[in-house]
Amino acid sequence: MEIADYIVAEDRELVDRVLKGDNDAFEYLFNRYRDAIHRLFVQRLGGVNDADDLLQETFIKVYINLHRYSADYTFGQWVYTIARNTFIDFVRRRQDDLPIDERFAAPASNAPTPEESVINLQQRSQIEHYLEHLAPRYRQLILMRFFEEYSYEEIAAKLSLPLGTVKTQIHRAREQMCRLIAQGDER
């Protein structure tokens, strides 16, 4: 089979070829799904440390169990299911490795450190400064949407405006706010 044939072949055709002993076909399947599965692990783990090992473990399981693949599902769904189960097993193993007192320890506090509190206060005062320079209408929309956390629909109802108008004006208010922040101390 030519390289171009592997590249354009559907997953099911490549699976059939692997089952007939064509290991090159598995390499193409691996390359199709490697990055997406790796990103999934990185995203769930919050880093790359164990993602490579989980990726390798996933595709070893895929290779070993390829004869169990059913064409009722897409190959991607099947690989994702194996990846998800591999991740769940990994989390369970990690939990089992913790000493009993760490397993039941209170979670870390989400309260900000003193340094974070100072930074947050500074950022808030800067934002308030920029809000003062917005047009009153835009200031009201920014406050309602991002500080009071009203939905677009709630804002439209409160201000008796069409939903599309609210969305457009909030977009313009954000743009104006971004311009003010970008200009910063140049003003």
N, C-alpha and C. Protein backbone atom coordinates (compact mmCIF):
# COMPACT_ATOMS: atom_id res chain seq x y z
N MET A 1 0.84 -1.17 0.00
CA MET A 1 0.00 0.00 0.00
C MET A 1 0.89 1.24 0.00
N GLU A 2 0.58 2.20 -0.84
CA GLU A 2 1.35 3.44 -0.95
C GLU A 2 1.03 4.36 0.23
N ILE A 3 1.94 5.27 0.54
CA ILE A 3 1.74 6.21 1.65
C ILE A 3 0.45 7.00 1.45
N ALA A 4 0.21 7.46 0.25
CA ALA A 4 -1.00 8.24 -0.03
C ALA A 4 -2.26 7.42 0.26
N ASP A 5 -2.19 6.11 0.01
CA ASP A 5 -3.34 5.25 0.28
C ASP A 5 -3.63 5.18 1.77
N TYR A 6 -2.56 5.12 2.59
CA TYR A 6 -2.76 5.11 4.05
C TYR A 6 -3.38 6.43 4.52
N ILE A 7 -2.90 7.51 3.95
CA ILE A 7 -3.34 8.84 4.38
C ILE A 7 -4.83 9.05 4.12
N VAL A 8 -5.32 8.60 2.98
CA VAL A 8 -6.72 8.82 2.63
C VAL A 8 -7.63 7.68 3.07
N ALA A 9 -7.06 6.59 3.56
CA ALA A 9 -7.87 5.44 3.96
C ALA A 9 -8.74 5.79 5.18
N GLU A 10 -9.93 5.26 5.21
CA GLU A 10 -10.81 5.44 6.35
C GLU A 10 -10.30 4.60 7.52
N ASP A 11 -10.70 4.97 8.71
CA ASP A 11 -10.25 4.27 9.92
C ASP A 11 -10.57 2.78 9.86
N ARG A 12 -11.78 2.46 9.42
CA ARG A 12 -12.20 1.04 9.39
C ARG A 12 -11.30 0.23 8.46
N GLU A 13 -10.92 0.83 7.35
CA GLU A 13 -10.02 0.14 6.40
C GLU A 13 -8.65 -0.08 7.05
N LEU A 14 -8.16 0.94 7.77
CA LEU A 14 -6.88 0.80 8.44
C LEU A 14 -6.95 -0.27 9.54
N VAL A 15 -8.06 -0.31 10.27
CA VAL A 15 -8.23 -1.33 11.30
C VAL A 15 -8.18 -2.72 10.67
N ASP A 16 -8.88 -2.89 9.57
CA ASP A 16 -8.85 -4.18 8.87
C ASP A 16 -7.43 -4.56 8.47
N ARG A 17 -6.67 -3.59 7.99
CA ARG A 17 -5.30 -3.85 7.56
C ARG A 17 -4.42 -4.23 8.75
N VAL A 18 -4.63 -3.55 9.89
CA VAL A 18 -3.85 -3.89 11.09
C VAL A 18 -4.16 -5.32 11.51
N LEU A 19 -5.43 -5.68 11.50
CA LEU A 19 -5.83 -7.03 11.90
C LEU A 19 -5.26 -8.10 10.97
N LYS A 20 -4.92 -7.68 9.74
CA LYS A 20 -4.30 -8.61 8.78
C LYS A 20 -2.78 -8.57 8.87
N GLY A 21 -2.25 -7.81 9.85
CA GLY A 21 -0.81 -7.80 10.08
C GLY A 21 -0.06 -6.59 9.54
N ASP A 22 -0.74 -5.60 9.05
CA ASP A 22 -0.10 -4.40 8.50
C ASP A 22 0.13 -3.38 9.62
N ASN A 23 1.32 -3.38 10.21
CA ASN A 23 1.63 -2.49 11.32
C ASN A 23 1.76 -1.03 10.89
N ASP A 24 2.06 -0.79 9.63
CA ASP A 24 2.11 0.59 9.14
C ASP A 24 0.73 1.24 9.25
N ALA A 25 -0.31 0.45 9.04
CA ALA A 25 -1.67 0.98 9.15
C ALA A 25 -1.94 1.46 10.57
N PHE A 26 -1.42 0.74 11.58
CA PHE A 26 -1.62 1.17 12.96
C PHE A 26 -0.89 2.48 13.23
N GLU A 27 0.26 2.64 12.64
CA GLU A 27 1.00 3.89 12.82
C GLU A 27 0.18 5.08 12.29
N TYR A 28 -0.52 4.89 11.20
CA TYR A 28 -1.35 5.97 10.67
C TYR A 28 -2.57 6.23 11.56
N LEU A 29 -3.15 5.17 12.12
CA LEU A 29 -4.24 5.36 13.07
C LEU A 29 -3.75 6.12 14.30
N PHE A 30 -2.60 5.72 14.79
CA PHE A 30 -2.00 6.37 15.96
C PHE A 30 -1.78 7.86 15.68
N ASN A 31 -1.20 8.16 14.53
CA ASN A 31 -0.92 9.56 14.19
C ASN A 31 -2.19 10.39 14.04
N ARG A 32 -3.29 9.78 13.62
CA ARG A 32 -4.55 10.51 13.48
C ARG A 32 -5.12 10.94 14.82
N TYR A 33 -4.94 10.12 15.83
CA TYR A 33 -5.61 10.36 17.11
C TYR A 33 -4.65 10.77 18.24
N ARG A 34 -3.38 10.66 18.01
CA ARG A 34 -2.38 10.94 19.05
C ARG A 34 -2.54 12.32 19.66
N ASP A 35 -2.57 13.37 18.84
CA ASP A 35 -2.59 14.73 19.37
C ASP A 35 -3.86 15.03 20.15
N ALA A 36 -4.99 14.58 19.65
CA ALA A 36 -6.26 14.85 20.34
C ALA A 36 -6.31 14.15 21.70
N ILE A 37 -5.87 12.91 21.75
CA ILE A 37 -5.88 12.16 23.00
C ILE A 37 -4.85 12.76 23.97
N HIS A 38 -3.70 13.14 23.46
CA HIS A 38 -2.68 13.76 24.31
C HIS A 38 -3.20 15.06 24.91
N ARG A 39 -3.86 15.89 24.09
CA ARG A 39 -4.45 17.15 24.60
C ARG A 39 -5.48 16.87 25.69
N LEU A 40 -6.26 15.83 25.49
CA LEU A 40 -7.26 15.44 26.48
C LEU A 40 -6.59 15.15 27.82
N PHE A 41 -5.51 14.37 27.80
CA PHE A 41 -4.81 14.04 29.03
C PHE A 41 -4.17 15.27 29.66
N VAL A 42 -3.55 16.09 28.86
CA VAL A 42 -2.92 17.31 29.38
C VAL A 42 -3.97 18.19 30.03
N GLN A 43 -5.11 18.31 29.38
CA GLN A 43 -6.20 19.15 29.89
C GLN A 43 -6.72 18.61 31.22
N ARG A 44 -6.90 17.34 31.30
CA ARG A 44 -7.46 16.74 32.53
C ARG A 44 -6.44 16.71 33.66
N LEU A 45 -5.16 16.57 33.32
CA LEU A 45 -4.12 16.50 34.34
C LEU A 45 -3.61 17.87 34.73
N GLY A 46 -3.85 18.86 33.89
CA GLY A 46 -3.33 20.19 34.15
C GLY A 46 -1.85 20.32 33.83
N GLY A 47 -1.30 19.37 33.10
CA GLY A 47 0.12 19.43 32.72
C GLY A 47 0.49 18.23 31.88
N VAL A 48 1.75 18.20 31.48
CA VAL A 48 2.23 17.18 30.55
C VAL A 48 2.86 15.98 31.24
N ASN A 49 3.15 16.09 32.53
CA ASN A 49 3.95 15.09 33.23
C ASN A 49 3.55 13.64 32.94
N ASP A 50 2.32 13.28 33.18
CA ASP A 50 1.88 11.90 32.99
C ASP A 50 1.15 11.67 31.68
N ALA A 51 0.92 12.73 30.92
CA ALA A 51 0.14 12.61 29.68
C ALA A 51 0.79 11.68 28.68
N ASP A 52 2.11 11.75 28.54
CA ASP A 52 2.80 10.88 27.58
C ASP A 52 2.66 9.41 27.95
N ASP A 53 2.77 9.11 29.24
CA ASP A 53 2.62 7.72 29.70
C ASP A 53 1.20 7.22 29.47
N LEU A 54 0.23 8.08 29.75
CA LEU A 54 -1.17 7.68 29.54
C LEU A 54 -1.47 7.48 28.06
N LEU A 55 -0.88 8.33 27.22
CA LEU A 55 -1.07 8.18 25.77
C LEU A 55 -0.52 6.82 25.32
N GLN A 56 0.67 6.51 25.78
CA GLN A 56 1.29 5.23 25.40
C GLN A 56 0.44 4.06 25.90
N GLU A 57 0.01 4.14 27.14
CA GLU A 57 -0.81 3.07 27.72
C GLU A 57 -2.11 2.90 26.94
N THR A 58 -2.71 4.03 26.56
CA THR A 58 -3.97 3.98 25.80
C THR A 58 -3.78 3.24 24.48
N PHE A 59 -2.73 3.60 23.75
CA PHE A 59 -2.57 2.99 22.42
C PHE A 59 -2.05 1.55 22.49
N ILE A 60 -1.44 1.19 23.58
CA ILE A 60 -1.11 -0.24 23.77
C ILE A 60 -2.41 -1.01 23.94
N LYS A 61 -3.33 -0.47 24.73
CA LYS A 61 -4.63 -1.11 24.91
C LYS A 61 -5.40 -1.16 23.60
N VAL A 62 -5.33 -0.08 22.82
CA VAL A 62 -6.00 -0.05 21.52
C VAL A 62 -5.47 -1.17 20.65
N TYR A 63 -4.16 -1.30 20.58
CA TYR A 63 -3.53 -2.31 19.73
C TYR A 63 -3.91 -3.73 20.18
N ILE A 64 -3.83 -3.96 21.48
CA ILE A 64 -4.11 -5.30 22.01
C ILE A 64 -5.58 -5.67 21.80
N ASN A 65 -6.47 -4.69 21.91
CA ASN A 65 -7.91 -4.97 21.84
C ASN A 65 -8.54 -4.62 20.49
N LEU A 66 -7.72 -4.38 19.50
CA LEU A 66 -8.24 -3.95 18.20
C LEU A 66 -9.23 -4.96 17.61
N HIS A 67 -9.04 -6.24 17.91
CA HIS A 67 -9.97 -7.26 17.40
C HIS A 67 -11.37 -7.10 18.00
N ARG A 68 -11.50 -6.35 19.09
CA ARG A 68 -12.80 -6.13 19.73
C ARG A 68 -13.52 -4.90 19.18
N TYR A 69 -12.85 -4.12 18.37
CA TYR A 69 -13.46 -2.91 17.82
C TYR A 69 -14.68 -3.27 16.99
N SER A 70 -15.78 -2.55 17.23
CA SER A 70 -17.01 -2.78 16.49
C SER A 70 -17.27 -1.58 15.59
N ALA A 71 -17.60 -1.85 14.36
CA ALA A 71 -17.87 -0.78 13.39
C ALA A 71 -19.19 -0.05 13.69
N ASP A 72 -19.87 -0.48 14.77
CA ASP A 72 -21.08 0.24 15.18
C ASP A 72 -20.74 1.64 15.69
N TYR A 73 -19.50 1.83 16.09
CA TYR A 73 -19.02 3.12 16.60
C TYR A 73 -17.91 3.62 15.70
N THR A 74 -17.68 4.92 15.72
CA THR A 74 -16.53 5.41 14.97
C THR A 74 -15.29 4.97 15.73
N PHE A 75 -14.21 4.86 15.02
CA PHE A 75 -12.95 4.46 15.66
C PHE A 75 -12.55 5.49 16.69
N GLY A 76 -12.78 6.77 16.39
CA GLY A 76 -12.44 7.84 17.33
C GLY A 76 -13.19 7.70 18.64
N GLN A 77 -14.49 7.34 18.59
CA GLN A 77 -15.26 7.14 19.82
C GLN A 77 -14.69 5.99 20.63
N TRP A 78 -14.30 4.95 19.94
CA TRP A 78 -13.77 3.77 20.60
C TRP A 78 -12.44 4.10 21.28
N VAL A 79 -11.56 4.81 20.58
CA VAL A 79 -10.27 5.20 21.16
C VAL A 79 -10.49 6.14 22.33
N TYR A 80 -11.41 7.09 22.19
CA TYR A 80 -11.69 8.03 23.28
C TYR A 80 -12.18 7.28 24.52
N THR A 81 -13.03 6.27 24.34
CA THR A 81 -13.53 5.49 25.47
C THR A 81 -12.38 4.79 26.18
N ILE A 82 -11.47 4.22 25.42
CA ILE A 82 -10.30 3.57 26.02
C ILE A 82 -9.45 4.60 26.76
N ALA A 83 -9.26 5.78 26.15
CA ALA A 83 -8.48 6.84 26.79
C ALA A 83 -9.13 7.28 28.10
N ARG A 84 -10.46 7.46 28.07
CA ARG A 84 -11.18 7.88 29.27
C ARG A 84 -11.04 6.85 30.38
N ASN A 85 -11.18 5.57 30.04
CA ASN A 85 -11.05 4.51 31.04
C ASN A 85 -9.62 4.40 31.56
N THR A 86 -8.66 4.63 30.70
CA THR A 86 -7.26 4.62 31.11
C THR A 86 -7.01 5.75 32.10
N PHE A 87 -7.59 6.90 31.83
CA PHE A 87 -7.44 8.04 32.74
C PHE A 87 -8.09 7.74 34.09
N ILE A 88 -9.28 7.16 34.08
CA ILE A 88 -9.98 6.83 35.33
C ILE A 88 -9.14 5.85 36.15
N ASP A 89 -8.58 4.83 35.48
CA ASP A 89 -7.72 3.86 36.18
C ASP A 89 -6.50 4.56 36.78
N PHE A 90 -5.93 5.48 36.04
CA PHE A 90 -4.76 6.22 36.51
C PHE A 90 -5.10 7.01 37.78
N VAL A 91 -6.23 7.71 37.76
CA VAL A 91 -6.64 8.50 38.93
C VAL A 91 -6.87 7.58 40.12
N ARG A 92 -7.49 6.45 39.90
CA ARG A 92 -7.72 5.49 41.00
C ARG A 92 -6.40 4.97 41.56
N ARG A 93 -5.47 4.63 40.68
CA ARG A 93 -4.16 4.16 41.15
C ARG A 93 -3.46 5.22 41.97
N ARG A 94 -3.52 6.46 41.48
CA ARG A 94 -2.88 7.56 42.18
C ARG A 94 -3.51 7.74 43.56
N GLN A 95 -4.83 7.64 43.62
CA GLN A 95 -5.54 7.77 44.90
C GLN A 95 -5.15 6.64 45.84
N ASP A 96 -5.02 5.43 45.30
CA ASP A 96 -4.64 4.28 46.13
C ASP A 96 -3.23 4.41 46.67
N ASP A 97 -2.37 5.15 45.97
CA ASP A 97 -0.98 5.32 46.41
C ASP A 97 -0.82 6.32 47.54
N LEU A 98 -1.85 7.13 47.78
CA LEU A 98 -1.77 8.14 48.84
C LEU A 98 -1.92 7.48 50.21
N PRO A 99 -1.18 7.96 51.19
CA PRO A 99 -1.40 7.47 52.56
C PRO A 99 -2.83 7.82 52.98
N ILE A 100 -3.38 7.03 53.87
CA ILE A 100 -4.77 7.19 54.27
C ILE A 100 -5.08 8.58 54.80
N ASP A 101 -4.14 9.20 55.52
CA ASP A 101 -4.41 10.52 56.09
C ASP A 101 -4.45 11.60 55.01
N GLU A 102 -3.75 11.42 53.90
CA GLU A 102 -3.80 12.39 52.81
C GLU A 102 -5.07 12.24 51.97
N ARG A 103 -5.60 11.02 51.92
CA ARG A 103 -6.81 10.78 51.14
C ARG A 103 -8.00 11.52 51.71
N PHE A 104 -8.02 11.64 53.02
CA PHE A 104 -9.16 12.25 53.67
C PHE A 104 -8.85 13.62 54.25
N ALA A 105 -7.72 14.17 53.85
CA ALA A 105 -7.34 15.50 54.33
C ALA A 105 -8.28 16.55 53.74
N ALA A 106 -8.43 17.63 54.45
CA ALA A 106 -9.28 18.73 53.97
C ALA A 106 -8.65 19.32 52.72
N PRO A 107 -9.46 19.69 51.75
CA PRO A 107 -8.90 20.29 50.53
C PRO A 107 -8.22 21.62 50.84
N ALA A 108 -7.28 21.96 49.98
CA ALA A 108 -6.56 23.22 50.15
C ALA A 108 -7.53 24.39 50.09
N SER A 109 -7.23 25.41 50.84
CA SER A 109 -8.09 26.58 50.89
C SER A 109 -8.03 27.34 49.57
N ASN A 110 -9.18 27.84 49.15
CA ASN A 110 -9.24 28.65 47.95
C ASN A 110 -9.09 30.13 48.26
N ALA A 111 -8.92 30.44 49.55
CA ALA A 111 -8.78 31.83 49.95
C ALA A 111 -7.48 32.39 49.37
N PRO A 112 -7.52 33.63 48.90
CA PRO A 112 -6.31 34.21 48.31
C PRO A 112 -5.25 34.47 49.37
N THR A 113 -4.00 34.39 48.94
CA THR A 113 -2.89 34.73 49.83
C THR A 113 -2.89 36.25 50.01
N PRO A 114 -2.16 36.76 50.99
CA PRO A 114 -2.11 38.21 51.14
C PRO A 114 -1.61 38.92 49.88
N GLU A 115 -0.64 38.33 49.20
CA GLU A 115 -0.13 38.93 47.97
C GLU A 115 -1.20 38.97 46.90
N GLU A 116 -1.95 37.87 46.77
CA GLU A 116 -3.03 37.83 45.78
C GLU A 116 -4.11 38.85 46.11
N SER A 117 -4.38 39.05 47.39
CA SER A 117 -5.39 40.04 47.80
C SER A 117 -4.97 41.45 47.38
N VAL A 118 -3.69 41.77 47.57
CA VAL A 118 -3.19 43.09 47.19
C VAL A 118 -3.29 43.27 45.67
N ILE A 119 -2.88 42.25 44.93
CA ILE A 119 -2.94 42.31 43.47
C ILE A 119 -4.38 42.47 43.00
N ASN A 120 -5.29 41.70 43.59
CA ASN A 120 -6.71 41.80 43.23
C ASN A 120 -7.25 43.20 43.50
N LEU A 121 -6.87 43.78 44.63
CA LEU A 121 -7.31 45.12 44.97
C LEU A 121 -6.80 46.14 43.97
N GLN A 122 -5.52 45.99 43.58
CA GLN A 122 -4.93 46.90 42.59
C GLN A 122 -5.64 46.76 41.25
N GLN A 123 -5.88 45.54 40.83
CA GLN A 123 -6.56 45.31 39.55
C GLN A 123 -7.97 45.88 39.58
N ARG A 124 -8.66 45.69 40.69
CA ARG A 124 -10.02 46.22 40.79
C ARG A 124 -10.02 47.74 40.71
N SER A 125 -9.07 48.38 41.37
CA SER A 125 -9.04 49.85 41.33
C SER A 125 -8.69 50.33 39.92
N GLN A 126 -7.83 49.58 39.20
CA GLN A 126 -7.52 49.95 37.81
C GLN A 126 -8.77 49.81 36.94
N ILE A 127 -9.49 48.74 37.12
CA ILE A 127 -10.71 48.52 36.33
C ILE A 127 -11.72 49.62 36.62
N GLU A 128 -11.88 49.96 37.90
CA GLU A 128 -12.81 51.03 38.26
C GLU A 128 -12.38 52.35 37.62
N HIS A 129 -11.07 52.58 37.56
CA HIS A 129 -10.55 53.79 36.92
C HIS A 129 -10.96 53.83 35.44
N TYR A 130 -10.78 52.69 34.75
CA TYR A 130 -11.14 52.64 33.33
C TYR A 130 -12.65 52.74 33.14
N LEU A 131 -13.43 52.17 34.05
CA LEU A 131 -14.88 52.26 33.96
C LEU A 131 -15.35 53.71 34.02
N GLU A 132 -14.65 54.52 34.81
CA GLU A 132 -15.00 55.94 34.92
C GLU A 132 -14.88 56.67 33.58
N HIS A 133 -14.01 56.15 32.71
CA HIS A 133 -13.77 56.80 31.42
C HIS A 133 -14.69 56.28 30.31
N LEU A 134 -15.51 55.28 30.63
CA LEU A 134 -16.46 54.76 29.64
C LEU A 134 -17.67 55.67 29.55
N ALA A 135 -18.34 55.62 28.41
CA ALA A 135 -19.61 56.31 28.28
C ALA A 135 -20.58 55.71 29.30
N PRO A 136 -21.44 56.51 29.91
CA PRO A 136 -22.34 56.01 30.96
C PRO A 136 -23.14 54.77 30.55
N ARG A 137 -23.61 54.75 29.31
CA ARG A 137 -24.40 53.60 28.82
C ARG A 137 -23.54 52.33 28.83
N TYR A 138 -22.30 52.45 28.33
CA TYR A 138 -21.41 51.31 28.29
C TYR A 138 -21.00 50.88 29.70
N ARG A 139 -20.78 51.85 30.58
CA ARG A 139 -20.41 51.54 31.96
C ARG A 139 -21.52 50.70 32.61
N GLN A 140 -22.77 51.11 32.39
CA GLN A 140 -23.90 50.39 32.96
C GLN A 140 -23.94 48.95 32.44
N LEU A 141 -23.73 48.77 31.15
CA LEU A 141 -23.76 47.42 30.55
C LEU A 141 -22.63 46.55 31.09
N ILE A 142 -21.44 47.11 31.20
CA ILE A 142 -20.29 46.34 31.72
C ILE A 142 -20.57 45.94 33.17
N LEU A 143 -21.06 46.86 33.96
CA LEU A 143 -21.35 46.54 35.36
C LEU A 143 -22.41 45.45 35.46
N MET A 144 -23.47 45.58 34.69
CA MET A 144 -24.55 44.58 34.75
C MET A 144 -24.07 43.20 34.30
N ARG A 145 -23.33 43.18 33.21
CA ARG A 145 -22.92 41.89 32.64
C ARG A 145 -21.80 41.22 33.42
N PHE A 146 -20.77 41.96 33.77
CA PHE A 146 -19.57 41.33 34.31
C PHE A 146 -19.41 41.46 35.82
N PHE A 147 -20.07 42.43 36.43
CA PHE A 147 -19.94 42.57 37.87
C PHE A 147 -21.17 42.02 38.58
N GLU A 148 -22.34 42.32 38.04
CA GLU A 148 -23.57 41.81 38.64
C GLU A 148 -23.97 40.48 38.02
N GLU A 149 -23.30 40.07 36.95
CA GLU A 149 -23.45 38.77 36.28
C GLU A 149 -24.87 38.52 35.76
N TYR A 150 -25.48 39.56 35.21
CA TYR A 150 -26.77 39.38 34.54
C TYR A 150 -26.54 38.70 33.20
N SER A 151 -27.50 37.89 32.77
CA SER A 151 -27.44 37.30 31.44
C SER A 151 -27.83 38.38 30.43
N TYR A 152 -27.55 38.13 29.17
CA TYR A 152 -27.95 39.07 28.12
C TYR A 152 -29.46 39.28 28.16
N GLU A 153 -30.19 38.19 28.35
CA GLU A 153 -31.64 38.26 28.35
C GLU A 153 -32.15 39.12 29.52
N GLU A 154 -31.52 38.95 30.69
CA GLU A 154 -31.93 39.74 31.85
C GLU A 154 -31.65 41.23 31.64
N ILE A 155 -30.51 41.53 31.03
CA ILE A 155 -30.18 42.93 30.74
C ILE A 155 -31.19 43.51 29.77
N ALA A 156 -31.50 42.76 28.72
CA ALA A 156 -32.47 43.23 27.73
C ALA A 156 -33.82 43.53 28.39
N ALA A 157 -34.24 42.66 29.30
CA ALA A 157 -35.53 42.86 29.98
C ALA A 157 -35.48 44.08 30.89
N LYS A 158 -34.38 44.21 31.66
CA LYS A 158 -34.27 45.33 32.60
C LYS A 158 -34.21 46.68 31.89
N LEU A 159 -33.53 46.71 30.74
CA LEU A 159 -33.35 47.98 30.03
C LEU A 159 -34.39 48.17 28.92
N SER A 160 -35.27 47.21 28.77
CA SER A 160 -36.31 47.25 27.71
C SER A 160 -35.68 47.47 26.33
N LEU A 161 -34.68 46.64 26.04
CA LEU A 161 -33.99 46.71 24.75
C LEU A 161 -34.07 45.35 24.07
N PRO A 162 -33.99 45.33 22.73
CA PRO A 162 -33.92 44.04 22.03
C PRO A 162 -32.61 43.32 22.40
N LEU A 163 -32.67 42.01 22.41
CA LEU A 163 -31.52 41.20 22.78
C LEU A 163 -30.32 41.49 21.89
N GLY A 164 -30.55 41.61 20.59
CA GLY A 164 -29.46 41.89 19.64
C GLY A 164 -28.78 43.22 19.94
N THR A 165 -29.54 44.20 20.34
CA THR A 165 -28.98 45.51 20.68
C THR A 165 -28.09 45.39 21.91
N VAL A 166 -28.56 44.64 22.90
CA VAL A 166 -27.78 44.45 24.13
C VAL A 166 -26.45 43.77 23.80
N LYS A 167 -26.49 42.73 22.99
CA LYS A 167 -25.26 42.02 22.63
C LYS A 167 -24.30 42.95 21.89
N THR A 168 -24.82 43.71 20.96
CA THR A 168 -23.98 44.62 20.19
C THR A 168 -23.36 45.68 21.08
N GLN A 169 -24.17 46.26 21.96
CA GLN A 169 -23.66 47.33 22.82
C GLN A 169 -22.64 46.80 23.83
N ILE A 170 -22.86 45.59 24.34
CA ILE A 170 -21.87 45.00 25.26
C ILE A 170 -20.57 44.73 24.52
N HIS A 171 -20.69 44.28 23.29
CA HIS A 171 -19.48 44.06 22.48
C HIS A 171 -18.72 45.38 22.30
N ARG A 172 -19.44 46.44 21.97
CA ARG A 172 -18.80 47.75 21.79
C ARG A 172 -18.23 48.26 23.10
N ALA A 173 -18.92 48.02 24.19
CA ALA A 173 -18.42 48.45 25.50
C ALA A 173 -17.12 47.73 25.84
N ARG A 174 -17.07 46.43 25.56
CA ARG A 174 -15.83 45.68 25.80
C ARG A 174 -14.70 46.20 24.94
N GLU A 175 -15.00 46.47 23.68
CA GLU A 175 -13.96 47.02 22.79
C GLU A 175 -13.43 48.34 23.32
N GLN A 176 -14.33 49.21 23.76
CA GLN A 176 -13.91 50.50 24.28
C GLN A 176 -13.08 50.30 25.55
N MET A 177 -13.49 49.40 26.40
CA MET A 177 -12.75 49.10 27.63
C MET A 177 -11.36 48.57 27.29
N CYS A 178 -11.28 47.70 26.32
CA CYS A 178 -9.98 47.14 25.90
C CYS A 178 -9.07 48.24 25.36
N ARG A 179 -9.65 49.16 24.58
CA ARG A 179 -8.84 50.27 24.06
C ARG A 179 -8.31 51.12 25.21
N LEU A 180 -9.13 51.40 26.19
CA LEU A 180 -8.70 52.18 27.35
C LEU A 180 -7.57 51.48 28.11
N ILE A 181 -7.71 50.19 28.30
CA ILE A 181 -6.68 49.41 29.01
C ILE A 181 -5.40 49.39 28.20
N ALA A 182 -5.52 49.19 26.88
CA ALA A 182 -4.32 49.17 26.01
C ALA A 182 -3.60 50.50 26.03
N GLN A 183 -4.36 51.59 26.06
CA GLN A 183 -3.74 52.92 26.11
C GLN A 183 -3.09 53.13 27.47
N GLY A 184 -3.65 52.57 28.51
CA GLY A 184 -3.09 52.62 29.85
C GLY A 184 -2.71 54.01 30.27
N ASP A 185 -1.46 54.15 30.65
CA ASP A 185 -0.95 55.43 31.18
C ASP A 185 -0.60 56.40 30.08
N GLU A 186 -0.79 56.02 28.83
CA GLU A 186 -0.49 56.93 27.72
C GLU A 186 -1.47 58.09 27.68
N ARG A 187 -2.59 57.95 28.35
CA ARG A 187 -3.66 58.97 28.32
C ARG A 187 -3.21 60.26 28.93
